[in-house]
Amino acid sequence: KTDFINFISDQEWKSIEPVSSWFGPSSFLMSSMSALFQLSMWIRHCHGYLTENVGIPVWGSYALFALATLFSGLILGLVSEALETDWPV
């Protein structure tokens, strides 16, 4: 507590360089990190629901998530290939 009070009263905070805008809380990088953290918490919640409420074994839950990952990768790959070609709209 006294170190913090001395930090403020002695104005030591003026000698600290501010954080770059790239690493600021509202930057694209930090917003993306926040979204990934929220996604991981949602996946954890879904895993708990599948194993505790539905009664799927842990390996079954992992298999479902692996299949969902493969399927989403397939869809994203198809979409990216479709966007690269000159398809008539």
C-alpha atoms as a PDB file:
ATOM      1  CA  LYS A   1       0.000   0.000   0.000  1.00  0.00           C
ATOM      2  CA  THR A   2       2.761   2.444   0.917  1.00  0.00           C
ATOM      3  CA  ASP A   3       4.636   1.675  -2.315  1.00  0.00           C
ATOM      4  CA  PHE A   4       1.551   2.604  -4.309  1.00  0.00           C
ATOM      5  CA  ILE A   5       1.025   5.814  -2.330  1.00  0.00           C
ATOM      6  CA  ASN A   6       4.690   6.745  -2.827  1.00  0.00           C
ATOM      7  CA  PHE A   7       4.378   5.960  -6.540  1.00  0.00           C
ATOM      8  CA  ILE A   8       1.533   8.480  -6.810  1.00  0.00           C
ATOM      9  CA  SER A   9       2.805  11.156  -4.413  1.00  0.00           C
ATOM     10  CA  ASP A  10       6.362  11.146  -5.824  1.00  0.00           C
ATOM     11  CA  GLN A  11       4.911  11.260  -9.365  1.00  0.00           C
ATOM     12  CA  GLU A  12       6.937   8.253 -10.474  1.00  0.00           C
ATOM     13  CA  TRP A  13       4.127   7.434 -12.895  1.00  0.00           C
ATOM     14  CA  LYS A  14       5.351  10.223 -15.192  1.00  0.00           C
ATOM     15  CA  SER A  15       8.521   8.278 -16.004  1.00  0.00           C
ATOM     16  CA  ILE A  16       6.584   5.254 -17.346  1.00  0.00           C
ATOM     17  CA  GLU A  17       6.036   5.100 -21.093  1.00  0.00           C
ATOM     18  CA  PRO A  18       2.418   4.664 -22.171  1.00  0.00           C
ATOM     19  CA  VAL A  19       1.281   1.405 -23.734  1.00  0.00           C
ATOM     20  CA  SER A  20       1.358   1.346 -27.526  1.00  0.00           C
ATOM     21  CA  SER A  21      -2.036   1.708 -29.167  1.00  0.00           C
ATOM     22  CA  TRP A  22      -1.468  -1.703 -30.760  1.00  0.00           C
ATOM     23  CA  PHE A  23      -1.625  -3.308 -27.297  1.00  0.00           C
ATOM     24  CA  GLY A  24      -4.312  -1.006 -25.903  1.00  0.00           C
ATOM     25  CA  PRO A  25      -7.515  -2.537 -24.513  1.00  0.00           C
ATOM     26  CA  SER A  26      -9.640  -1.364 -27.448  1.00  0.00           C
ATOM     27  CA  SER A  27      -7.212  -2.372 -30.217  1.00  0.00           C
ATOM     28  CA  PHE A  28      -8.025  -5.012 -32.815  1.00  0.00           C
ATOM     29  CA  LEU A  29      -5.415  -7.370 -31.346  1.00  0.00           C
ATOM     30  CA  MET A  30      -6.812  -7.234 -27.819  1.00  0.00           C
ATOM     31  CA  SER A  31     -10.417  -7.455 -29.047  1.00  0.00           C
ATOM     32  CA  SER A  32      -9.460 -10.599 -30.969  1.00  0.00           C
ATOM     33  CA  MET A  33      -7.795 -12.071 -27.904  1.00  0.00           C
ATOM     34  CA  SER A  34     -10.925 -11.340 -25.891  1.00  0.00           C
ATOM     35  CA  ALA A  35     -13.093 -13.046 -28.507  1.00  0.00           C
ATOM     36  CA  LEU A  36     -10.849 -16.130 -28.449  1.00  0.00           C
ATOM     37  CA  PHE A  37     -11.055 -16.256 -24.654  1.00  0.00           C
ATOM     38  CA  GLN A  38     -14.855 -16.007 -24.790  1.00  0.00           C
ATOM     39  CA  LEU A  39     -14.935 -18.779 -27.409  1.00  0.00           C
ATOM     40  CA  SER A  40     -12.815 -21.012 -25.189  1.00  0.00           C
ATOM     41  CA  MET A  41     -15.155 -20.399 -22.247  1.00  0.00           C
ATOM     42  CA  TRP A  42     -18.157 -21.254 -24.440  1.00  0.00           C
ATOM     43  CA  ILE A  43     -16.476 -24.480 -25.574  1.00  0.00           C
ATOM     44  CA  ARG A  44     -15.733 -25.354 -21.943  1.00  0.00           C
ATOM     45  CA  HIS A  45     -19.380 -24.719 -21.052  1.00  0.00           C
ATOM     46  CA  CYS A  46     -20.553 -26.921 -23.943  1.00  0.00           C
ATOM     47  CA  HIS A  47     -18.150 -29.690 -22.905  1.00  0.00           C
ATOM     48  CA  GLY A  48     -19.482 -29.561 -19.348  1.00  0.00           C
ATOM     49  CA  TYR A  49     -23.067 -29.666 -20.596  1.00  0.00           C
ATOM     50  CA  LEU A  50     -22.380 -32.616 -22.903  1.00  0.00           C
ATOM     51  CA  THR A  51     -20.583 -34.653 -20.260  1.00  0.00           C
ATOM     52  CA  GLU A  52     -22.682 -33.798 -17.183  1.00  0.00           C
ATOM     53  CA  ASN A  53     -26.234 -33.227 -18.473  1.00  0.00           C
ATOM     54  CA  VAL A  54     -26.398 -35.255 -21.675  1.00  0.00           C
ATOM     55  CA  GLY A  55     -24.216 -38.090 -20.369  1.00  0.00           C
ATOM     56  CA  ILE A  56     -21.769 -38.280 -23.274  1.00  0.00           C
ATOM     57  CA  PRO A  57     -18.378 -39.657 -22.202  1.00  0.00           C
ATOM     58  CA  VAL A  58     -15.445 -37.265 -22.229  1.00  0.00           C
ATOM     59  CA  TRP A  59     -13.883 -38.927 -25.283  1.00  0.00           C
ATOM     60  CA  GLY A  60     -17.219 -38.550 -27.092  1.00  0.00           C
ATOM     61  CA  SER A  61     -17.296 -34.842 -26.358  1.00  0.00           C
ATOM     62  CA  TYR A  62     -13.739 -34.505 -27.674  1.00  0.00           C
ATOM     63  CA  ALA A  63     -14.733 -36.450 -30.801  1.00  0.00           C
ATOM     64  CA  LEU A  64     -17.689 -34.104 -31.390  1.00  0.00           C
ATOM     65  CA  PHE A  65     -15.454 -31.045 -31.071  1.00  0.00           C
ATOM     66  CA  ALA A  66     -12.876 -32.625 -33.399  1.00  0.00           C
ATOM     67  CA  LEU A  67     -15.563 -33.282 -35.998  1.00  0.00           C
ATOM     68  CA  ALA A  68     -16.919 -29.748 -35.611  1.00  0.00           C
ATOM     69  CA  THR A  69     -13.396 -28.376 -36.111  1.00  0.00           C
ATOM     70  CA  LEU A  70     -12.873 -30.471 -39.243  1.00  0.00           C
ATOM     71  CA  PHE A  71     -16.282 -29.520 -40.638  1.00  0.00           C
ATOM     72  CA  SER A  72     -15.785 -25.802 -40.002  1.00  0.00           C
ATOM     73  CA  GLY A  73     -12.344 -26.010 -41.648  1.00  0.00           C
ATOM     74  CA  LEU A  74     -13.925 -27.688 -44.660  1.00  0.00           C
ATOM     75  CA  ILE A  75     -16.593 -24.994 -44.935  1.00  0.00           C
ATOM     76  CA  LEU A  76     -14.070 -22.160 -44.530  1.00  0.00           C
ATOM     77  CA  GLY A  77     -11.814 -23.762 -47.148  1.00  0.00           C
ATOM     78  CA  LEU A  78     -14.678 -24.068 -49.614  1.00  0.00           C
ATOM     79  CA  VAL A  79     -15.744 -20.477 -49.004  1.00  0.00           C
ATOM     80  CA  SER A  80     -12.195 -19.184 -49.460  1.00  0.00           C
ATOM     81  CA  GLU A  81     -11.828 -21.125 -52.712  1.00  0.00           C
ATOM     82  CA  ALA A  82     -15.182 -19.835 -53.923  1.00  0.00           C
ATOM     83  CA  LEU A  83     -14.111 -16.268 -53.207  1.00  0.00           C
ATOM     84  CA  GLU A  84     -10.844 -16.743 -55.133  1.00  0.00           C
ATOM     85  CA  THR A  85     -12.527 -17.900 -58.317  1.00  0.00           C
ATOM     86  CA  ASP A  86     -14.411 -15.643 -60.707  1.00  0.00           C
ATOM     87  CA  TRP A  87     -17.877 -17.000 -60.024  1.00  0.00           C
ATOM     88  CA  PRO A  88     -20.728 -15.071 -61.577  1.00  0.00           C
ATOM     89  CA  VAL A  89     -22.749 -13.428 -58.868  1.00  0.00           C
END
